[in-house]
């Protein structure tokens, strides 16, 4: 049995343990890792694209200034206080919506600004 598997030594505080590692296990990990990383990369790219409801370059100086003065961000640092739970938010499609405070401007449902107010 020892010929078929390799022994991997792992130190756990002051105790030594041996964990058998087979070639089959090593090959499955080696072949599965690229697939997992490709899937993760594509899901992160999709999430990044969907988080952009408006291109900041297309905002007028007044719209950009209003967003800055309200501290608007596309991602809330407080999940319980995101645009989707705000009384000024109206949902649209693909995780986006509009905000009455921003004069109907497009915002991300997961965004946040200092004028956030819970829905009643």
PDB file of N, CA and C in Angstrom:
ATOM      1  N   UNK A   1       0.811  -1.188   0.000  1.00  0.00           N
ATOM      2  CA  UNK A   1       0.000   0.000   0.000  1.00  0.00           C
ATOM      3  C   UNK A   1       0.863   1.265   0.000  1.00  0.00           C
ATOM      4  N   UNK A   2       1.998   1.231   0.693  1.00  0.00           N
ATOM      5  CA  UNK A   2       2.885   2.380   0.718  1.00  0.00           C
ATOM      6  C   UNK A   2       3.457   2.686  -0.652  1.00  0.00           C
ATOM      7  N   UNK A   3       3.643   1.661  -1.468  1.00  0.00           N
ATOM      8  CA  UNK A   3       4.170   1.878  -2.811  1.00  0.00           C
ATOM      9  C   UNK A   3       3.194   2.657  -3.674  1.00  0.00           C
ATOM     10  N   UNK A   4       1.888   2.519  -3.423  1.00  0.00           N
ATOM     11  CA  UNK A   4       0.869   3.156  -4.245  1.00  0.00           C
ATOM     12  C   UNK A   4       0.605   4.602  -3.839  1.00  0.00           C
ATOM     13  N   UNK A   5       0.947   4.957  -2.644  1.00  0.00           N
ATOM     14  CA  UNK A   5       0.697   6.336  -2.213  1.00  0.00           C
ATOM     15  C   UNK A   5       1.935   6.922  -1.562  1.00  0.00           C
ATOM     16  N   UNK A   6       1.988   8.219  -1.583  1.00  0.00           N
ATOM     17  CA  UNK A   6       3.112   8.920  -0.976  1.00  0.00           C
ATOM     18  C   UNK A   6       2.669   9.452   0.372  1.00  0.00           C
ATOM     19  N   UNK A   7       3.586   9.599   1.239  1.00  0.00           N
ATOM     20  CA  UNK A   7       3.274  10.110   2.567  1.00  0.00           C
ATOM     21  C   UNK A   7       3.618  11.599   2.614  1.00  0.00           C
ATOM     22  N   UNK A   8       2.689  12.337   3.132  1.00  0.00           N
ATOM     23  CA  UNK A   8       2.870  13.780   3.259  1.00  0.00           C
ATOM     24  C   UNK A   8       2.963  14.094   4.739  1.00  0.00           C
ATOM     25  N   UNK A   9       4.017  14.754   5.123  1.00  0.00           N
ATOM     26  CA  UNK A   9       4.228  15.073   6.525  1.00  0.00           C
ATOM     27  C   UNK A   9       3.687  16.475   6.799  1.00  0.00           C
ATOM     28  N   UNK A  10       2.909  16.587   7.856  1.00  0.00           N
ATOM     29  CA  UNK A  10       2.331  17.868   8.217  1.00  0.00           C
ATOM     30  C   UNK A  10       2.520  18.060   9.716  1.00  0.00           C
ATOM     31  N   UNK A  11       3.025  19.182  10.104  1.00  0.00           N
ATOM     32  CA  UNK A  11       3.257  19.428  11.526  1.00  0.00           C
ATOM     33  C   UNK A  11       2.037  20.123  12.100  1.00  0.00           C
ATOM     34  N   UNK A  12       1.464  19.549  13.129  1.00  0.00           N
ATOM     35  CA  UNK A  12       0.309  20.108  13.817  1.00  0.00           C
ATOM     36  C   UNK A  12       0.730  20.380  15.252  1.00  0.00           C
ATOM     37  N   UNK A  13       1.149  21.622  15.513  1.00  0.00           N
ATOM     38  CA  UNK A  13       1.732  22.031  16.782  1.00  0.00           C
ATOM     39  C   UNK A  13       2.916  21.122  17.122  1.00  0.00           C
ATOM     40  N   UNK A  14       2.790  20.315  18.149  1.00  0.00           N
ATOM     41  CA  UNK A  14       3.906  19.462  18.528  1.00  0.00           C
ATOM     42  C   UNK A  14       3.711  18.022  18.088  1.00  0.00           C
ATOM     43  N   UNK A  15       2.651  17.755  17.354  1.00  0.00           N
ATOM     44  CA  UNK A  15       2.333  16.397  16.961  1.00  0.00           C
ATOM     45  C   UNK A  15       2.571  16.221  15.468  1.00  0.00           C
ATOM     46  N   UNK A  16       3.182  15.130  15.071  1.00  0.00           N
ATOM     47  CA  UNK A  16       3.422  14.859  13.659  1.00  0.00           C
ATOM     48  C   UNK A  16       2.333  13.925  13.160  1.00  0.00           C
ATOM     49  N   UNK A  17       1.802  14.236  11.974  1.00  0.00           N
ATOM     50  CA  UNK A  17       0.776  13.394  11.369  1.00  0.00           C
ATOM     51  C   UNK A  17       1.213  13.013   9.969  1.00  0.00           C
ATOM     52  N   UNK A  18       0.801  11.850   9.527  1.00  0.00           N
ATOM     53  CA  UNK A  18       1.045  11.472   8.144  1.00  0.00           C
ATOM     54  C   UNK A  18      -0.293  11.366   7.445  1.00  0.00           C
ATOM     55  N   UNK A  19      -0.354  11.936   6.257  1.00  0.00           N
ATOM     56  CA  UNK A  19      -1.571  11.911   5.460  1.00  0.00           C
ATOM     57  C   UNK A  19      -1.228  11.262   4.127  1.00  0.00           C
ATOM     58  N   UNK A  20      -1.881  10.159   3.769  1.00  0.00           N
ATOM     59  CA  UNK A  20      -1.577   9.516   2.489  1.00  0.00           C
ATOM     60  C   UNK A  20      -2.108  10.356   1.320  1.00  0.00           C
ATOM     61  N   UNK A  21      -1.273  10.547   0.322  1.00  0.00           N
ATOM     62  CA  UNK A  21      -1.650  11.306  -0.870  1.00  0.00           C
ATOM     63  C   UNK A  21      -1.394  10.407  -2.078  1.00  0.00           C
ATOM     64  N   UNK A  22      -2.463  10.089  -2.786  1.00  0.00           N
ATOM     65  CA  UNK A  22      -2.311   9.209  -3.941  1.00  0.00           C
ATOM     66  C   UNK A  22      -2.038  10.019  -5.201  1.00  0.00           C
ATOM     67  N   UNK A  23      -1.519   9.337  -6.201  1.00  0.00           N
ATOM     68  CA  UNK A  23      -1.290   9.998  -7.494  1.00  0.00           C
ATOM     69  C   UNK A  23      -2.609  10.432  -8.102  1.00  0.00           C
ATOM     70  N   UNK A  24      -3.660   9.639  -7.934  1.00  0.00           N
ATOM     71  CA  UNK A  24      -4.985   9.985  -8.471  1.00  0.00           C
ATOM     72  C   UNK A  24      -5.473  11.308  -7.879  1.00  0.00           C
ATOM     73  N   UNK A  25      -5.300  11.471  -6.562  1.00  0.00           N
ATOM     74  CA  UNK A  25      -5.715  12.697  -5.896  1.00  0.00           C
ATOM     75  C   UNK A  25      -4.916  13.890  -6.414  1.00  0.00           C
ATOM     76  N   UNK A  26      -3.606  13.731  -6.540  1.00  0.00           N
ATOM     77  CA  UNK A  26      -2.759  14.815  -7.050  1.00  0.00           C
ATOM     78  C   UNK A  26      -3.140  15.202  -8.470  1.00  0.00           C
ATOM     79  N   UNK A  27      -3.390  14.211  -9.328  1.00  0.00           N
ATOM     80  CA  UNK A  27      -3.783  14.496 -10.707  1.00  0.00           C
ATOM     81  C   UNK A  27      -5.142  15.189 -10.769  1.00  0.00           C
ATOM     82  N   UNK A  28      -6.090  14.748  -9.965  1.00  0.00           N
ATOM     83  CA  UNK A  28      -7.406  15.383  -9.995  1.00  0.00           C
ATOM     84  C   UNK A  28      -7.321  16.834  -9.527  1.00  0.00           C
ATOM     85  N   UNK A  29      -6.488  17.106  -8.542  1.00  0.00           N
ATOM     86  CA  UNK A  29      -6.294  18.495  -8.089  1.00  0.00           C
ATOM     87  C   UNK A  29      -5.614  19.330  -9.172  1.00  0.00           C
ATOM     88  N   UNK A  30      -4.605  18.762  -9.792  1.00  0.00           N
ATOM     89  CA  UNK A  30      -3.862  19.496 -10.824  1.00  0.00           C
ATOM     90  C   UNK A  30      -4.735  19.786 -12.037  1.00  0.00           C
ATOM     91  N   UNK A  31      -5.604  18.847 -12.405  1.00  0.00           N
ATOM     92  CA  UNK A  31      -6.464  19.058 -13.566  1.00  0.00           C
ATOM     93  C   UNK A  31      -7.674  19.923 -13.236  1.00  0.00           C
ATOM     94  N   UNK A  32      -8.115  19.917 -12.000  1.00  0.00           N
ATOM     95  CA  UNK A  32      -9.283  20.696 -11.610  1.00  0.00           C
ATOM     96  C   UNK A  32      -8.988  22.154 -11.323  1.00  0.00           C
ATOM     97  N   UNK A  33      -7.768  22.461 -10.931  1.00  0.00           N
ATOM     98  CA  UNK A  33      -7.420  23.832 -10.556  1.00  0.00           C
ATOM     99  C   UNK A  33      -7.610  24.847 -11.687  1.00  0.00           C
ATOM    100  N   UNK A  34      -7.173  24.565 -12.925  1.00  0.00           N
ATOM    101  CA  UNK A  34      -7.401  25.546 -13.989  1.00  0.00           C
ATOM    102  C   UNK A  34      -8.884  25.779 -14.277  1.00  0.00           C
ATOM    103  N   UNK A  35      -9.684  24.737 -14.189  1.00  0.00           N
ATOM    104  CA  UNK A  35     -11.118  24.889 -14.444  1.00  0.00           C
ATOM    105  C   UNK A  35     -11.767  25.760 -13.372  1.00  0.00           C
ATOM    106  N   UNK A  36     -11.400  25.546 -12.134  1.00  0.00           N
ATOM    107  CA  UNK A  36     -11.946  26.339 -11.037  1.00  0.00           C
ATOM    108  C   UNK A  36     -11.512  27.795 -11.159  1.00  0.00           C
ATOM    109  N   UNK A  37     -10.256  28.030 -11.482  1.00  0.00           N
ATOM    110  CA  UNK A  37      -9.787  29.414 -11.595  1.00  0.00           C
ATOM    111  C   UNK A  37     -10.436  30.128 -12.785  1.00  0.00           C
ATOM    112  N   UNK A  38     -10.678  29.415 -13.886  1.00  0.00           N
ATOM    113  CA  UNK A  38     -11.357  30.023 -15.037  1.00  0.00           C
ATOM    114  C   UNK A  38     -12.799  30.377 -14.687  1.00  0.00           C
ATOM    115  N   UNK A  39     -13.473  29.500 -13.973  1.00  0.00           N
ATOM    116  CA  UNK A  39     -14.846  29.766 -13.554  1.00  0.00           C
ATOM    117  C   UNK A  39     -14.905  30.954 -12.609  1.00  0.00           C
ATOM    118  N   UNK A  40     -13.985  31.017 -11.669  1.00  0.00           N
ATOM    119  CA  UNK A  40     -13.935  32.127 -10.728  1.00  0.00           C
ATOM    120  C   UNK A  40     -13.652  33.446 -11.449  1.00  0.00           C
ATOM    121  N   UNK A  41     -12.724  33.442 -12.374  1.00  0.00           N
ATOM    122  CA  UNK A  41     -12.391  34.663 -13.120  1.00  0.00           C
ATOM    123  C   UNK A  41     -13.579  35.154 -13.938  1.00  0.00           C
ATOM    124  N   UNK A  42     -14.301  34.244 -14.583  1.00  0.00           N
ATOM    125  CA  UNK A  42     -15.448  34.670 -15.388  1.00  0.00           C
ATOM    126  C   UNK A  42     -16.575  35.202 -14.514  1.00  0.00           C
ATOM    127  N   UNK A  43     -16.788  34.611 -13.332  1.00  0.00           N
ATOM    128  CA  UNK A  43     -17.846  35.105 -12.461  1.00  0.00           C
ATOM    129  C   UNK A  43     -17.473  36.467 -11.872  1.00  0.00           C
ATOM    130  N   UNK A  44     -16.197  36.694 -11.583  1.00  0.00           N
ATOM    131  CA  UNK A  44     -15.768  38.002 -11.089  1.00  0.00           C
ATOM    132  C   UNK A  44     -15.912  39.071 -12.162  1.00  0.00           C
ATOM    133  N   UNK A  45     -15.601  38.722 -13.407  1.00  0.00           N
ATOM    134  CA  UNK A  45     -15.746  39.680 -14.503  1.00  0.00           C
ATOM    135  C   UNK A  45     -17.208  40.027 -14.720  1.00  0.00           C
ATOM    136  N   UNK A  46     -18.087  39.035 -14.639  1.00  0.00           N
ATOM    137  CA  UNK A  46     -19.521  39.277 -14.796  1.00  0.00           C
ATOM    138  C   UNK A  46     -20.037  40.154 -13.673  1.00  0.00           C
ATOM    139  N   UNK A  47     -19.586  39.899 -12.448  1.00  0.00           N
ATOM    140  CA  UNK A  47     -20.012  40.716 -11.309  1.00  0.00           C
ATOM    141  C   UNK A  47     -19.535  42.155 -11.452  1.00  0.00           C
ATOM    142  N   UNK A  48     -18.318  42.332 -11.934  1.00  0.00           N
ATOM    143  CA  UNK A  48     -17.788  43.688 -12.119  1.00  0.00           C
ATOM    144  C   UNK A  48     -18.563  44.443 -13.182  1.00  0.00           C
ATOM    145  N   UNK A  49     -18.925  43.748 -14.268  1.00  0.00           N
ATOM    146  CA  UNK A  49     -19.692  44.395 -15.327  1.00  0.00           C
ATOM    147  C   UNK A  49     -21.092  44.759 -14.849  1.00  0.00           C
ATOM    148  N   UNK A  50     -21.730  43.864 -14.090  1.00  0.00           N
ATOM    149  CA  UNK A  50     -23.089  44.127 -13.649  1.00  0.00           C
ATOM    150  C   UNK A  50     -23.143  45.193 -12.563  1.00  0.00           C
ATOM    151  N   UNK A  51     -22.023  45.432 -11.854  1.00  0.00           N
ATOM    152  CA  UNK A  51     -22.027  46.442 -10.813  1.00  0.00           C
ATOM    153  C   UNK A  51     -21.962  47.854 -11.389  1.00  0.00           C
ATOM    154  N   UNK A  52     -21.661  47.995 -12.659  1.00  0.00           N
ATOM    155  CA  UNK A  52     -21.602  49.309 -13.285  1.00  0.00           C
ATOM    156  C   UNK A  52     -22.934  49.623 -13.968  1.00  0.00           C
ATOM    157  N   UNK A  53     -23.734  50.458 -13.315  1.00  0.00           N
ATOM    158  CA  UNK A  53     -25.030  50.833 -13.873  1.00  0.00           C
ATOM    159  C   UNK A  53     -24.922  52.102 -14.711  1.00  0.00           C
ATOM    160  N   UNK A  54     -23.882  52.864 -14.461  1.00  0.00           N
ATOM    161  CA  UNK A  54     -23.671  54.096 -15.207  1.00  0.00           C
ATOM    162  C   UNK A  54     -22.165  54.302 -15.374  1.00  0.00           C
ATOM    163  N   UNK A  55     -21.772  54.798 -16.519  1.00  0.00           N
ATOM    164  CA  UNK A  55     -20.366  55.088 -16.770  1.00  0.00           C
ATOM    165  C   UNK A  55     -20.056  56.472 -16.189  1.00  0.00           C
ATOM    166  N   UNK A  56     -19.161  56.565 -15.221  1.00  0.00           N
ATOM    167  CA  UNK A  56     -18.849  57.862 -14.611  1.00  0.00           C
ATOM    168  C   UNK A  56     -18.387  58.907 -15.624  1.00  0.00           C
ATOM    169  N   UNK A  57     -17.801  58.450 -16.726  1.00  0.00           N
ATOM    170  CA  UNK A  57     -17.342  59.387 -17.759  1.00  0.00           C
ATOM    171  C   UNK A  57     -18.508  60.059 -18.482  1.00  0.00           C
ATOM    172  N   UNK A  58     -19.690  59.435 -18.443  1.00  0.00           N
ATOM    173  CA  UNK A  58     -20.860  59.983 -19.140  1.00  0.00           C
ATOM    174  C   UNK A  58     -21.679  60.934 -18.276  1.00  0.00           C
ATOM    175  N   UNK A  59     -21.326  61.078 -17.000  1.00  0.00           N
ATOM    176  CA  UNK A  59     -22.053  61.982 -16.112  1.00  0.00           C
ATOM    177  C   UNK A  59     -21.692  63.429 -16.406  1.00  0.00           C
ATOM    178  N   UNK A  60     -22.678  64.312 -16.274  1.00  0.00           N
ATOM    179  CA  UNK A  60     -22.383  65.741 -16.407  1.00  0.00           C
ATOM    180  C   UNK A  60     -21.620  66.176 -15.155  1.00  0.00           C
ATOM    181  N   UNK A  61     -20.926  67.310 -15.215  1.00  0.00           N
ATOM    182  CA  UNK A  61     -20.222  67.788 -14.011  1.00  0.00           C
ATOM    183  C   UNK A  61     -21.166  67.969 -12.818  1.00  0.00           C
ATOM    184  N   UNK A  62     -22.405  68.409 -13.069  1.00  0.00           N
ATOM    185  CA  UNK A  62     -23.366  68.596 -11.978  1.00  0.00           C
ATOM    186  C   UNK A  62     -23.750  67.251 -11.356  1.00  0.00           C
ATOM    187  N   UNK A  63     -23.989  66.234 -12.203  1.00  0.00           N
ATOM    188  CA  UNK A  63     -24.346  64.899 -11.692  1.00  0.00           C
ATOM    189  C   UNK A  63     -23.188  64.296 -10.898  1.00  0.00           C
ATOM    190  N   UNK A  64     -21.989  64.429 -11.429  1.00  0.00           N
ATOM    191  CA  UNK A  64     -20.814  63.893 -10.737  1.00  0.00           C
ATOM    192  C   UNK A  64     -20.606  64.609  -9.408  1.00  0.00           C
ATOM    193  N   UNK A  65     -20.811  65.915  -9.390  1.00  0.00           N
ATOM    194  CA  UNK A  65     -20.655  66.698  -8.160  1.00  0.00           C
ATOM    195  C   UNK A  65     -21.685  66.309  -7.111  1.00  0.00           C
ATOM    196  N   UNK A  66     -22.927  66.074  -7.538  1.00  0.00           N
ATOM    197  CA  UNK A  66     -23.971  65.660  -6.610  1.00  0.00           C
ATOM    198  C   UNK A  66     -23.639  64.306  -6.001  1.00  0.00           C
ATOM    199  N   UNK A  67     -23.166  63.380  -6.823  1.00  0.00           N
ATOM    200  CA  UNK A  67     -22.770  62.054  -6.313  1.00  0.00           C
ATOM    201  C   UNK A  67     -21.621  62.179  -5.304  1.00  0.00           C
ATOM    202  N   UNK A  68     -20.647  63.020  -5.640  1.00  0.00           N
ATOM    203  CA  UNK A  68     -19.523  63.226  -4.723  1.00  0.00           C
ATOM    204  C   UNK A  68     -19.992  63.831  -3.402  1.00  0.00           C
ATOM    205  N   UNK A  69     -20.861  64.843  -3.473  1.00  0.00           N
ATOM    206  CA  UNK A  69     -21.319  65.518  -2.248  1.00  0.00           C
ATOM    207  C   UNK A  69     -22.132  64.585  -1.358  1.00  0.00           C
ATOM    208  N   UNK A  70     -22.787  63.594  -1.953  1.00  0.00           N
ATOM    209  CA  UNK A  70     -23.563  62.624  -1.170  1.00  0.00           C
ATOM    210  C   UNK A  70     -22.744  61.403  -0.782  1.00  0.00           C
ATOM    211  N   UNK A  71     -21.491  61.348  -1.219  1.00  0.00           N
ATOM    212  CA  UNK A  71     -20.621  60.217  -0.894  1.00  0.00           C
ATOM    213  C   UNK A  71     -21.082  58.917  -1.529  1.00  0.00           C
ATOM    214  N   UNK A  72     -21.693  59.003  -2.719  1.00  0.00           N
ATOM    215  CA  UNK A  72     -22.202  57.797  -3.383  1.00  0.00           C
ATOM    216  C   UNK A  72     -21.068  56.860  -3.789  1.00  0.00           C
ATOM    217  N   UNK A  73     -21.259  55.569  -3.505  1.00  0.00           N
ATOM    218  CA  UNK A  73     -20.347  54.518  -3.965  1.00  0.00           C
ATOM    219  C   UNK A  73     -21.172  53.398  -4.576  1.00  0.00           C
ATOM    220  N   UNK A  74     -20.612  52.685  -5.554  1.00  0.00           N
ATOM    221  CA  UNK A  74     -21.314  51.576  -6.207  1.00  0.00           C
ATOM    222  C   UNK A  74     -21.470  50.364  -5.298  1.00  0.00           C
ATOM    223  N   UNK A  75     -20.649  50.273  -4.254  1.00  0.00           N
ATOM    224  CA  UNK A  75     -20.706  49.145  -3.337  1.00  0.00           C
ATOM    225  C   UNK A  75     -20.769  49.659  -1.912  1.00  0.00           C
ATOM    226  N   UNK A  76     -21.826  49.292  -1.197  1.00  0.00           N
ATOM    227  CA  UNK A  76     -21.985  49.724   0.179  1.00  0.00           C
ATOM    228  C   UNK A  76     -21.044  48.967   1.098  1.00  0.00           C
ATOM    229  N   UNK A  77     -20.437  49.691   2.026  1.00  0.00           N
ATOM    230  CA  UNK A  77     -19.587  49.031   3.024  1.00  0.00           C
ATOM    231  C   UNK A  77     -20.438  48.473   4.161  1.00  0.00           C
ATOM    232  N   UNK A  78     -21.719  48.834   4.159  1.00  0.00           N
ATOM    233  CA  UNK A  78     -22.673  48.356   5.158  1.00  0.00           C
ATOM    234  C   UNK A  78     -23.805  47.639   4.429  1.00  0.00           C
ATOM    235  N   UNK A  79     -23.758  46.304   4.316  1.00  0.00           N
ATOM    236  CA  UNK A  79     -24.752  45.567   3.529  1.00  0.00           C
ATOM    237  C   UNK A  79     -26.207  45.873   3.909  1.00  0.00           C
ATOM    238  N   UNK A  80     -26.468  46.174   5.168  1.00  0.00           N
ATOM    239  CA  UNK A  80     -27.832  46.484   5.578  1.00  0.00           C
ATOM    240  C   UNK A  80     -28.275  47.867   5.111  1.00  0.00           C
ATOM    241  N   UNK A  81     -27.338  48.674   4.650  1.00  0.00           N
ATOM    242  CA  UNK A  81     -27.648  50.011   4.144  1.00  0.00           C
ATOM    243  C   UNK A  81     -27.200  50.124   2.692  1.00  0.00           C
ATOM    244  N   UNK A  82     -27.934  49.477   1.807  1.00  0.00           N
ATOM    245  CA  UNK A  82     -27.622  49.579   0.381  1.00  0.00           C
ATOM    246  C   UNK A  82     -28.809  50.238  -0.312  1.00  0.00           C
ATOM    247  N   UNK A  83     -28.587  50.706  -1.511  1.00  0.00           N
ATOM    248  CA  UNK A  83     -29.635  51.413  -2.253  1.00  0.00           C
ATOM    249  C   UNK A  83     -30.925  50.595  -2.371  1.00  0.00           C
ATOM    250  N   UNK A  84     -30.804  49.288  -2.505  1.00  0.00           N
ATOM    251  CA  UNK A  84     -32.001  48.456  -2.670  1.00  0.00           C
ATOM    252  C   UNK A  84     -32.928  48.533  -1.462  1.00  0.00           C
ATOM    253  N   UNK A  85     -32.419  48.909  -0.286  1.00  0.00           N
ATOM    254  CA  UNK A  85     -33.243  49.040   0.906  1.00  0.00           C
ATOM    255  C   UNK A  85     -33.583  50.474   1.251  1.00  0.00           C
ATOM    256  N   UNK A  86     -33.263  51.395   0.347  1.00  0.00           N
ATOM    257  CA  UNK A  86     -33.494  52.822   0.579  1.00  0.00           C
ATOM    258  C   UNK A  86     -34.853  53.259   0.037  1.00  0.00           C
ATOM    259  N   UNK A  87     -35.487  54.186   0.739  1.00  0.00           N
ATOM    260  CA  UNK A  87     -36.785  54.698   0.320  1.00  0.00           C
ATOM    261  C   UNK A  87     -36.734  55.542  -0.945  1.00  0.00           C
ATOM    262  N   UNK A  88     -35.576  56.019  -1.323  1.00  0.00           N
ATOM    263  CA  UNK A  88     -35.442  56.858  -2.515  1.00  0.00           C
ATOM    264  C   UNK A  88     -35.116  56.052  -3.772  1.00  0.00           C
ATOM    265  N   UNK A  89     -34.937  54.739  -3.618  1.00  0.00           N
ATOM    266  CA  UNK A  89     -34.515  53.861  -4.717  1.00  0.00           C
ATOM    267  C   UNK A  89     -35.713  53.233  -5.411  1.00  0.00           C
ATOM    268  N   UNK A  90     -35.679  53.200  -6.744  1.00  0.00           N
ATOM    269  CA  UNK A  90     -36.668  52.482  -7.552  1.00  0.00           C
ATOM    270  C   UNK A  90     -35.916  51.466  -8.389  1.00  0.00           C
ATOM    271  N   UNK A  91     -36.244  50.195  -8.214  1.00  0.00           N
ATOM    272  CA  UNK A  91     -35.527  49.118  -8.906  1.00  0.00           C
ATOM    273  C   UNK A  91     -35.788  49.137 -10.402  1.00  0.00           C
ATOM    274  N   UNK A  92     -34.780  48.763 -11.152  1.00  0.00           N
ATOM    275  CA  UNK A  92     -34.886  48.593 -12.607  1.00  0.00           C
ATOM    276  C   UNK A  92     -34.415  47.174 -12.908  1.00  0.00           C
ATOM    277  N   UNK A  93     -33.635  46.982 -13.944  1.00  0.00           N
ATOM    278  CA  UNK A  93     -33.171  45.635 -14.291  1.00  0.00           C
ATOM    279  C   UNK A  93     -31.679  45.479 -14.047  1.00  0.00           C
ATOM    280  N   UNK A  94     -31.236  44.241 -13.950  1.00  0.00           N
ATOM    281  CA  UNK A  94     -29.819  43.859 -13.841  1.00  0.00           C
ATOM    282  C   UNK A  94     -29.106  44.484 -12.645  1.00  0.00           C
ATOM    283  N   UNK A  95     -29.791  44.560 -11.482  1.00  0.00           N
ATOM    284  CA  UNK A  95     -29.147  45.070 -10.279  1.00  0.00           C
ATOM    285  C   UNK A  95     -28.984  46.576 -10.250  1.00  0.00           C
ATOM    286  N   UNK A  96     -29.650  47.257 -11.154  1.00  0.00           N
ATOM    287  CA  UNK A  96     -29.579  48.714 -11.206  1.00  0.00           C
ATOM    288  C   UNK A  96     -30.940  49.304 -10.856  1.00  0.00           C
ATOM    289  N   UNK A  97     -30.968  50.598 -10.677  1.00  0.00           N
ATOM    290  CA  UNK A  97     -32.208  51.310 -10.406  1.00  0.00           C
ATOM    291  C   UNK A  97     -31.974  52.799 -10.526  1.00  0.00           C
ATOM    292  N   UNK A  98     -32.948  53.557 -10.062  1.00  0.00           N
ATOM    293  CA  UNK A  98     -32.820  55.014 -10.088  1.00  0.00           C
ATOM    294  C   UNK A  98     -32.994  55.552  -8.681  1.00  0.00           C
ATOM    295  N   UNK A  99     -32.459  56.747  -8.460  1.00  0.00           N
ATOM    296  CA  UNK A  99     -32.506  57.385  -7.146  1.00  0.00           C
ATOM    297  C   UNK A  99     -33.167  58.749  -7.269  1.00  0.00           C
ATOM    298  N   UNK A 100     -34.184  58.988  -6.421  1.00  0.00           N
ATOM    299  CA  UNK A 100     -34.889  60.274  -6.444  1.00  0.00           C
ATOM    300  C   UNK A 100     -33.973  61.413  -6.002  1.00  0.00           C
ATOM    301  N   UNK A 101     -33.065  61.155  -5.071  1.00  0.00           N
ATOM    302  CA  UNK A 101     -32.139  62.199  -4.602  1.00  0.00           C
ATOM    303  C   UNK A 101     -31.184  62.606  -5.709  1.00  0.00           C
ATOM    304  N   UNK A 102     -30.810  61.642  -6.542  1.00  0.00           N
ATOM    305  CA  UNK A 102     -29.894  61.929  -7.656  1.00  0.00           C
ATOM    306  C   UNK A 102     -30.673  62.300  -8.917  1.00  0.00           C
ATOM    307  N   UNK A 103     -31.851  62.863  -8.739  1.00  0.00           N
ATOM    308  CA  UNK A 103     -32.690  63.320  -9.855  1.00  0.00           C
ATOM    309  C   UNK A 103     -32.995  62.211 -10.848  1.00  0.00           C
ATOM    310  N   UNK A 104     -33.243  61.023 -10.335  1.00  0.00           N
ATOM    311  CA  UNK A 104     -33.566  59.899 -11.214  1.00  0.00           C
ATOM    312  C   UNK A 104     -32.352  59.265 -11.861  1.00  0.00           C
ATOM    313  N   UNK A 105     -31.170  59.600 -11.383  1.00  0.00           N
ATOM    314  CA  UNK A 105     -29.944  59.034 -11.944  1.00  0.00           C
ATOM    315  C   UNK A 105     -29.816  57.550 -11.651  1.00  0.00           C
ATOM    316  N   UNK A 106     -29.159  56.837 -12.553  1.00  0.00           N
ATOM    317  CA  UNK A 106     -28.955  55.395 -12.388  1.00  0.00           C
ATOM    318  C   UNK A 106     -27.978  55.120 -11.262  1.00  0.00           C
ATOM    319  N   UNK A 107     -28.327  54.127 -10.435  1.00  0.00           N
ATOM    320  CA  UNK A 107     -27.467  53.717  -9.328  1.00  0.00           C
ATOM    321  C   UNK A 107     -27.454  52.195  -9.244  1.00  0.00           C
ATOM    322  N   UNK A 108     -26.456  51.687  -8.563  1.00  0.00           N
ATOM    323  CA  UNK A 108     -26.347  50.262  -8.328  1.00  0.00           C
ATOM    324  C   UNK A 108     -27.200  49.894  -7.117  1.00  0.00           C
ATOM    325  N   UNK A 109     -27.940  48.784  -7.194  1.00  0.00           N
ATOM    326  CA  UNK A 109     -28.781  48.349  -6.076  1.00  0.00           C
ATOM    327  C   UNK A 109     -27.950  48.076  -4.825  1.00  0.00           C
ATOM    328  N   UNK A 110     -26.675  47.747  -4.994  1.00  0.00           N
ATOM    329  CA  UNK A 110     -25.788  47.494  -3.865  1.00  0.00           C
ATOM    330  C   UNK A 110     -25.009  48.715  -3.439  1.00  0.00           C
ATOM    331  N   UNK A 111     -25.331  49.884  -4.000  1.00  0.00           N
ATOM    332  CA  UNK A 111     -24.610  51.113  -3.697  1.00  0.00           C
ATOM    333  C   UNK A 111     -25.029  51.740  -2.380  1.00  0.00           C
ATOM    334  N   UNK A 112     -24.457  52.901  -2.084  1.00  0.00           N
ATOM    335  CA  UNK A 112     -24.745  53.604  -0.830  1.00  0.00           C
ATOM    336  C   UNK A 112     -24.408  55.084  -0.979  1.00  0.00           C
ATOM    337  N   UNK A 113     -25.166  55.928  -0.292  1.00  0.00           N
ATOM    338  CA  UNK A 113     -24.820  57.344  -0.141  1.00  0.00           C
ATOM    339  C   UNK A 113     -25.219  57.803   1.240  1.00  0.00           C
ATOM    340  N   UNK A 114     -24.768  58.986   1.638  1.00  0.00           N
ATOM    341  CA  UNK A 114     -25.031  59.486   2.984  1.00  0.00           C
ATOM    342  C   UNK A 114     -26.485  59.873   3.213  1.00  0.00           C
ATOM    343  N   UNK A 115     -27.298  59.953   2.176  1.00  0.00           N
ATOM    344  CA  UNK A 115     -28.719  60.279   2.321  1.00  0.00           C
ATOM    345  C   UNK A 115     -29.578  59.033   2.431  1.00  0.00           C
ATOM    346  N   UNK A 116     -28.960  57.876   2.657  1.00  0.00           N
ATOM    347  CA  UNK A 116     -29.706  56.616   2.733  1.00  0.00           C
ATOM    348  C   UNK A 116     -30.774  56.716   3.814  1.00  0.00           C
ATOM    349  N   UNK A 117     -31.979  56.264   3.483  1.00  0.00           N
ATOM    350  CA  UNK A 117     -33.097  56.251   4.418  1.00  0.00           C
ATOM    351  C   UNK A 117     -33.875  54.956   4.221  1.00  0.00           C
ATOM    352  N   UNK A 118     -34.121  54.243   5.303  1.00  0.00           N
ATOM    353  CA  UNK A 118     -34.792  52.946   5.215  1.00  0.00           C
ATOM    354  C   UNK A 118     -36.183  53.096   4.602  1.00  0.00           C
ATOM    355  N   UNK A 119     -36.550  52.080   3.821  1.00  0.00           N
ATOM    356  CA  UNK A 119     -37.907  52.066   3.247  1.00  0.00           C
ATOM    357  C   UNK A 119     -38.917  51.997   4.371  1.00  0.00           C
ATOM    358  N   UNK A 120     -40.043  52.685   4.159  1.00  0.00           N
ATOM    359  CA  UNK A 120     -41.093  52.614   5.173  1.00  0.00           C
ATOM    360  C   UNK A 120     -42.158  51.619   4.836  1.00  0.00           C
TER     361      UNK A 120
END
